[in-house]
Amino acid sequence: MARNRIEAAARDWFAQRDFVMVDPPGLQRSPGNEAHLHAFATEAIGNDGVAQTRYLHTSPEFTMKKLLAAGETRIASLGHVWRNRERGPLHHPEFTMLEWYRAGEPYTAVMDDCIALIRLAATTAGATALRYRDRSCDPFAEPERLTTADAFFGFAGIDLLATIGDADALAAQMRASGIAVPVEYNWSYLFTRVLVERIEPHLGMERVTILDRYPSSEAALARRSADDSRVAERFEIYAAGVELSNGFGELTDAGEQRRRLAAEMDEKQRLYGERYPVDEDFLAALATMPQASGVALGFDRLVMLVLGAPRIDDVIWAPVTD
């Protein structure tokens, strides 16, 4: 019941700000093109009996950007997404994502939206803290704002920007900080390892953390920062050590986007032996899509933290059984 109240409050919040609630279809030609996101595949069989591969989307992002290109300026979606190979206290193969976009507005605007919605959820449920296991934070306190470079230096003693694109340099700094390095590695893998082991456990403690300005190589759908091309307009928000949202200043250069998606799929092929098709309609839409900011927030996780539930399954009406 608390989940329903939070959902109703969120929908009203968007309505008051002139957002149009849209309902992107889950069945797509491409589920998304991030190397480490895994989709559910199926077959669509036409009247002629011919089968074509289709996927359940891992995010409504591609469809929503097409709607921005078609002229919408403020849109939001609250619906199901599907991610394979994901199950645990914080992961469920089918979950609810709250995603929204603001055309013509900076990505700091959707950062502020996230904080407002986190506070709204807490207020609606009568919660004074967000809790996960033995961790907690005050959603009403002023958020902590960190760049990834500051976080890597502060928590791991690593000069991140000095290693951009140089995996051996990052590996050397990791060893100096006592972080194990595998025999085979690339820069992206090492970045993620430090983030998971040394950075994330410290984020969102006592107050919400906004981790901003990710390296450009770790932000395939975000535009580069105007003052430093090594980093991008990508942020993530953490509460009680849990990632809640992932947002961008959106990339609108179709050629650059194609190159980045191809690189992601090359990495997926190398690691997992598979790749997903690129959505050509999405790339075509970027030619007329306005500058925009957007963010995806894990709705189930937000409800979970507001209620202090130990597992994501506890706040889903009917969890998928193993």
Protein backbone atom coordinates (compact mmCIF):
# COMPACT_ATOMS: atom_id res chain seq x y z
CA MET A 1 0.00 0.00 0.00
CA ALA A 2 2.90 2.35 0.73
CA ARG A 3 4.26 1.63 -2.74
CA ASN A 4 0.94 2.67 -4.28
CA ARG A 5 0.85 5.89 -2.29
CA ILE A 6 4.40 6.78 -3.38
CA GLU A 7 3.54 6.02 -7.00
CA ALA A 8 0.44 8.22 -6.87
CA ALA A 9 2.44 11.07 -5.31
CA ALA A 10 5.14 10.79 -7.98
CA ARG A 11 2.61 10.84 -10.82
CA ASP A 12 0.98 13.93 -9.30
CA TRP A 13 4.40 15.59 -8.91
CA PHE A 14 5.08 15.19 -12.63
CA ALA A 15 1.58 16.33 -13.58
CA GLN A 16 2.02 19.54 -11.58
CA ARG A 17 5.15 20.30 -13.61
CA ASP A 18 3.53 19.74 -17.01
CA PHE A 19 5.18 16.43 -17.80
CA VAL A 20 3.38 14.08 -20.16
CA MET A 21 3.32 10.50 -18.89
CA VAL A 22 4.16 8.20 -21.79
CA ASP A 23 4.00 4.40 -22.08
CA PRO A 24 6.88 3.05 -24.22
CA PRO A 25 6.42 -0.51 -25.52
CA GLY A 26 8.60 -3.15 -23.91
CA LEU A 27 9.13 -5.16 -27.12
CA GLN A 28 11.92 -3.69 -29.25
CA ARG A 29 14.30 -4.43 -32.14
CA SER A 30 17.17 -3.42 -29.84
CA PRO A 31 17.06 -3.71 -26.04
CA GLY A 32 19.82 -1.13 -25.54
CA ASN A 33 23.52 -1.31 -26.31
CA GLU A 34 25.48 -1.29 -23.08
CA ALA A 35 28.14 -3.99 -22.81
CA HIS A 36 27.17 -5.25 -19.37
CA LEU A 37 23.37 -5.12 -19.68
CA HIS A 38 21.79 -8.41 -20.73
CA ALA A 39 18.38 -8.66 -22.37
CA PHE A 40 15.60 -11.22 -22.64
CA ALA A 41 15.13 -12.31 -26.26
CA THR A 42 12.03 -13.69 -27.95
CA GLU A 43 10.61 -14.17 -31.44
CA ALA A 44 7.91 -12.15 -33.16
CA ILE A 45 6.20 -14.37 -35.74
CA GLY A 46 4.41 -12.57 -38.56
CA ASN A 47 1.32 -13.62 -40.48
CA ASP A 48 3.69 -15.19 -43.01
CA GLY A 49 5.12 -17.46 -40.32
CA VAL A 50 8.54 -15.80 -40.46
CA ALA A 51 10.18 -15.25 -37.07
CA GLN A 52 12.17 -12.15 -36.22
CA THR A 53 14.20 -11.67 -33.04
CA ARG A 54 12.83 -9.10 -30.62
CA TYR A 55 13.93 -8.08 -27.13
CA LEU A 56 12.35 -6.77 -23.94
CA HIS A 57 13.91 -3.38 -23.38
CA THR A 58 16.42 -2.76 -20.58
CA SER A 59 15.32 0.89 -20.52
CA PRO A 60 12.70 2.99 -22.35
CA GLU A 61 15.44 5.46 -23.29
CA PHE A 62 15.55 4.93 -27.05
CA THR A 63 11.77 5.27 -27.42
CA MET A 64 11.62 8.33 -25.20
CA LYS A 65 14.33 10.10 -27.17
CA LYS A 66 12.34 9.44 -30.34
CA LEU A 67 9.42 11.21 -28.65
CA LEU A 68 11.68 14.18 -27.82
CA ALA A 69 12.68 14.28 -31.50
CA ALA A 70 8.96 14.28 -32.40
CA GLY A 71 8.42 17.46 -30.38
CA GLU A 72 7.70 16.48 -26.77
CA THR A 73 9.56 18.62 -24.23
CA ARG A 74 8.81 17.12 -20.81
CA ILE A 75 8.06 13.41 -20.68
CA ALA A 76 8.11 10.75 -17.98
CA SER A 77 7.56 7.00 -17.91
CA LEU A 78 6.84 4.68 -14.98
CA GLY A 79 6.94 1.14 -16.29
CA HIS A 80 8.58 -2.26 -16.33
CA VAL A 81 12.02 -3.00 -17.76
CA TRP A 82 13.81 -6.33 -17.99
CA ARG A 83 17.44 -7.24 -17.35
CA ASN A 84 18.78 -10.76 -17.57
CA ARG A 85 21.55 -12.15 -15.35
CA GLU A 86 20.38 -9.92 -12.48
CA ARG A 87 18.96 -11.36 -9.25
CA GLY A 88 19.74 -10.53 -5.62
CA PRO A 89 18.74 -8.32 -2.68
CA LEU A 90 18.95 -5.21 -4.91
CA HIS A 91 18.23 -6.78 -8.31
CA HIS A 92 15.18 -8.34 -9.90
CA PRO A 93 14.93 -9.50 -13.54
CA GLU A 94 11.75 -7.46 -14.08
CA PHE A 95 11.55 -4.17 -12.24
CA THR A 96 9.94 -0.74 -12.39
CA MET A 97 11.88 2.21 -13.75
CA LEU A 98 10.91 5.86 -13.42
CA GLU A 99 12.52 7.73 -16.30
CA TRP A 100 12.04 11.32 -17.40
CA TYR A 101 13.47 13.95 -19.76
CA ARG A 102 13.59 17.74 -19.92
CA ALA A 103 14.26 19.27 -23.35
CA GLY A 104 16.34 22.43 -23.38
CA GLU A 105 17.35 22.17 -19.72
CA PRO A 106 20.72 21.32 -18.13
CA TYR A 107 21.34 18.00 -16.46
CA THR A 108 21.51 19.72 -13.08
CA ALA A 109 17.73 20.15 -13.46
CA VAL A 110 17.10 16.40 -13.37
CA MET A 111 19.55 16.08 -10.47
CA ASP A 112 17.30 18.46 -8.54
CA ASP A 113 14.25 16.47 -9.65
CA CYS A 114 15.76 13.31 -8.17
CA ILE A 115 16.35 14.89 -4.79
CA ALA A 116 12.81 16.31 -4.76
CA LEU A 117 11.29 12.92 -5.61
CA ILE A 118 13.36 11.11 -2.97
CA ARG A 119 12.11 13.58 -0.37
CA LEU A 120 8.55 13.27 -1.67
CA ALA A 121 8.67 9.48 -1.32
CA ALA A 122 9.97 9.74 2.25
CA THR A 123 7.34 12.31 3.19
CA THR A 124 4.54 10.25 1.64
CA ALA A 125 5.56 7.18 3.65
CA GLY A 126 6.23 9.13 6.84
CA ALA A 127 9.92 8.15 6.81
CA THR A 128 12.65 10.28 8.35
CA ALA A 129 15.51 8.19 6.93
CA LEU A 130 16.36 5.95 3.99
CA ARG A 131 17.63 2.58 5.23
CA TYR A 132 19.36 -0.47 3.80
CA ARG A 133 20.52 -3.08 6.30
CA ASP A 134 22.70 -1.23 8.84
CA ARG A 135 23.12 1.89 6.69
CA SER A 136 20.97 4.99 6.64
CA CYS A 137 20.84 8.55 5.37
CA ASP A 138 18.72 11.64 5.85
CA PRO A 139 16.87 12.41 2.59
CA PHE A 140 16.15 15.96 3.75
CA ALA A 141 19.79 16.91 4.37
CA GLU A 142 21.69 18.86 1.72
CA PRO A 143 23.09 16.27 -0.74
CA GLU A 144 26.79 15.57 -0.93
CA ARG A 145 28.16 16.38 -4.38
CA LEU A 146 31.29 14.57 -5.56
CA THR A 147 33.02 14.22 -8.90
CA THR A 148 34.30 10.74 -9.73
CA ALA A 149 37.84 12.17 -9.73
CA ASP A 150 37.41 13.51 -6.19
CA ALA A 151 35.86 10.25 -5.03
CA PHE A 152 38.68 8.13 -6.48
CA PHE A 153 41.31 10.33 -4.86
CA GLY A 154 39.52 10.63 -1.52
CA PHE A 155 38.55 6.97 -1.05
CA ALA A 156 41.23 5.13 -3.04
CA GLY A 157 44.14 7.56 -3.35
CA ILE A 158 43.97 7.34 -7.16
CA ASP A 159 44.48 10.26 -9.57
CA LEU A 160 41.77 9.08 -11.96
CA LEU A 161 42.05 11.72 -14.67
CA ALA A 162 45.81 11.14 -15.00
CA THR A 163 45.09 7.55 -16.07
CA ILE A 164 42.34 8.15 -18.64
CA GLY A 165 42.74 5.61 -21.43
CA ASP A 166 45.88 4.10 -19.88
CA ALA A 167 44.96 0.82 -18.21
CA ASP A 168 48.52 0.13 -17.04
CA ALA A 169 48.71 3.51 -15.30
CA LEU A 170 45.43 2.85 -13.49
CA ALA A 171 46.58 -0.67 -12.57
CA ALA A 172 49.80 0.73 -11.08
CA GLN A 173 47.89 3.19 -8.91
CA MET A 174 45.51 0.43 -7.81
CA ARG A 175 48.40 -1.78 -6.70
CA ALA A 176 49.90 1.15 -4.80
CA SER A 177 46.56 1.51 -3.00
CA GLY A 178 46.39 -2.19 -2.15
CA ILE A 179 43.70 -3.09 -4.68
CA ALA A 180 44.13 -6.43 -6.44
CA VAL A 181 44.57 -6.32 -10.22
CA PRO A 182 43.79 -9.39 -12.37
CA VAL A 183 46.17 -10.76 -14.98
CA GLU A 184 43.97 -9.57 -17.85
CA TYR A 185 42.24 -6.21 -17.71
CA ASN A 186 41.22 -3.08 -19.56
CA TRP A 187 40.67 0.46 -18.30
CA SER A 188 36.89 0.17 -18.01
CA TYR A 189 37.09 -3.03 -15.97
CA LEU A 190 39.61 -1.47 -13.56
CA PHE A 191 37.50 1.68 -13.18
CA THR A 192 34.45 -0.40 -12.26
CA ARG A 193 36.43 -2.53 -9.83
CA VAL A 194 37.68 0.49 -7.88
CA LEU A 195 34.21 2.05 -7.97
CA VAL A 196 32.55 -1.06 -6.53
CA GLU A 197 35.22 -1.96 -3.98
CA ARG A 198 36.39 1.42 -2.69
CA ILE A 199 33.92 4.12 -3.67
CA GLU A 200 30.31 2.88 -3.55
CA PRO A 201 30.44 1.59 0.07
CA HIS A 202 31.04 5.19 1.21
CA LEU A 203 28.31 6.88 -0.82
CA GLY A 204 24.96 8.04 0.52
CA MET A 205 25.96 7.72 4.17
CA GLU A 206 24.09 10.15 6.45
CA ARG A 207 23.01 12.14 3.38
CA VAL A 208 22.32 11.45 -0.29
CA THR A 209 25.38 11.54 -2.58
CA ILE A 210 25.42 12.82 -6.16
CA LEU A 211 28.42 11.28 -7.95
CA ASP A 212 29.04 13.42 -11.02
CA ARG A 213 31.28 13.82 -14.10
CA TYR A 214 32.02 10.23 -15.02
CA PRO A 215 34.88 9.53 -17.43
CA SER A 216 33.60 9.89 -20.99
CA SER A 217 34.40 6.25 -21.75
CA GLU A 218 31.94 5.24 -19.02
CA ALA A 219 29.10 7.40 -20.36
CA ALA A 220 28.17 6.06 -23.79
CA LEU A 221 24.89 8.02 -24.00
CA ALA A 222 26.04 11.30 -22.42
CA ARG A 223 27.62 14.38 -23.94
CA ARG A 224 31.13 15.39 -22.92
CA SER A 225 31.56 18.17 -20.38
CA ALA A 226 32.16 21.53 -22.01
CA ASP A 227 35.16 22.34 -19.79
CA ASP A 228 36.92 18.93 -19.89
CA SER A 229 36.43 16.37 -22.66
CA ARG A 230 37.86 13.62 -20.45
CA VAL A 231 34.63 13.57 -18.46
CA ALA A 232 30.96 13.57 -19.36
CA GLU A 233 27.67 14.95 -18.09
CA ARG A 234 26.76 11.74 -16.30
CA PHE A 235 25.77 11.40 -12.65
CA GLU A 236 24.53 8.70 -10.30
CA ILE A 237 22.70 9.18 -7.00
CA TYR A 238 23.33 6.97 -3.97
CA ALA A 239 21.48 6.59 -0.69
CA ALA A 240 22.61 4.29 2.14
CA GLY A 241 25.21 2.79 -0.21
CA VAL A 242 22.59 1.90 -2.83
CA GLU A 243 22.55 3.33 -6.36
CA LEU A 244 19.15 4.90 -7.02
CA SER A 245 19.46 6.77 -10.30
CA ASN A 246 21.61 7.32 -13.38
CA GLY A 247 21.32 10.52 -15.42
CA PHE A 248 22.86 12.39 -18.34
CA GLY A 249 23.16 15.50 -20.33
CA GLU A 250 22.06 13.65 -23.45
CA LEU A 251 24.32 13.08 -26.46
CA THR A 252 22.65 14.20 -29.71
CA ASP A 253 25.51 13.65 -32.20
CA ALA A 254 24.34 10.61 -34.20
CA GLY A 255 27.78 9.83 -35.62
CA GLU A 256 29.45 9.89 -32.22
CA GLN A 257 26.58 7.89 -30.74
CA ARG A 258 26.94 5.21 -33.43
CA ARG A 259 30.68 4.90 -32.70
CA ARG A 260 30.07 4.59 -28.96
CA LEU A 261 27.34 1.95 -29.34
CA ALA A 262 29.54 -0.05 -31.70
CA ALA A 263 32.36 0.06 -29.16
CA GLU A 264 29.98 -1.13 -26.44
CA MET A 265 28.85 -4.04 -28.60
CA ASP A 266 32.43 -4.94 -29.50
CA GLU A 267 33.17 -5.17 -25.78
CA LYS A 268 30.04 -7.25 -25.22
CA GLN A 269 31.11 -9.61 -28.00
CA ARG A 270 34.56 -9.93 -26.45
CA LEU A 271 33.27 -10.61 -22.94
CA TYR A 272 30.04 -12.52 -23.51
CA GLY A 273 30.15 -13.74 -27.10
CA GLU A 274 27.03 -11.86 -28.23
CA ARG A 275 25.90 -8.46 -29.47
CA TYR A 276 22.58 -6.66 -29.95
CA PRO A 277 21.48 -4.75 -33.05
CA VAL A 278 21.58 -0.97 -33.07
CA ASP A 279 18.23 0.84 -33.27
CA GLU A 280 18.60 2.79 -36.53
CA ASP A 281 15.38 4.74 -35.88
CA PHE A 282 16.90 5.97 -32.62
CA LEU A 283 20.06 7.15 -34.35
CA ALA A 284 18.01 8.87 -37.05
CA ALA A 285 15.95 10.64 -34.38
CA LEU A 286 19.07 12.21 -32.85
CA ALA A 287 19.33 14.46 -35.91
CA THR A 288 16.22 16.35 -34.78
CA MET A 289 16.29 15.70 -31.04
CA PRO A 290 16.76 18.91 -29.02
CA GLN A 291 19.40 19.28 -26.34
CA ALA A 292 17.97 17.56 -23.28
CA SER A 293 18.70 16.04 -19.91
CA GLY A 294 17.31 12.75 -18.66
CA VAL A 295 17.49 10.33 -15.77
CA ALA A 296 16.33 6.84 -14.80
CA LEU A 297 15.46 6.06 -11.18
CA GLY A 298 14.91 2.57 -9.79
CA PHE A 299 11.41 2.93 -8.36
CA ASP A 300 11.43 -0.37 -6.46
CA ARG A 301 14.74 0.53 -4.82
CA LEU A 302 13.40 3.91 -3.76
CA VAL A 303 10.36 2.29 -2.13
CA MET A 304 12.63 -0.31 -0.55
CA LEU A 305 14.88 2.32 1.07
CA VAL A 306 11.98 4.47 2.23
CA LEU A 307 10.39 1.46 3.96
CA GLY A 308 13.67 -0.06 5.18
CA ALA A 309 12.92 -3.36 3.42
CA PRO A 310 15.86 -5.81 3.27
CA ARG A 311 15.17 -7.11 -0.24
CA ILE A 312 13.73 -5.67 -3.45
CA ASP A 313 11.33 -8.65 -3.61
CA ASP A 314 9.61 -7.29 -0.49
CA VAL A 315 8.27 -4.23 -2.34
CA ILE A 316 7.27 -5.95 -5.62
CA TRP A 317 3.65 -7.12 -5.80
CA ALA A 318 4.45 -10.55 -7.23
CA PRO A 319 8.17 -11.29 -7.57
CA VAL A 320 9.39 -13.56 -10.37
CA THR A 321 10.06 -16.98 -8.85
CA ASP A 322 13.38 -18.78 -9.29
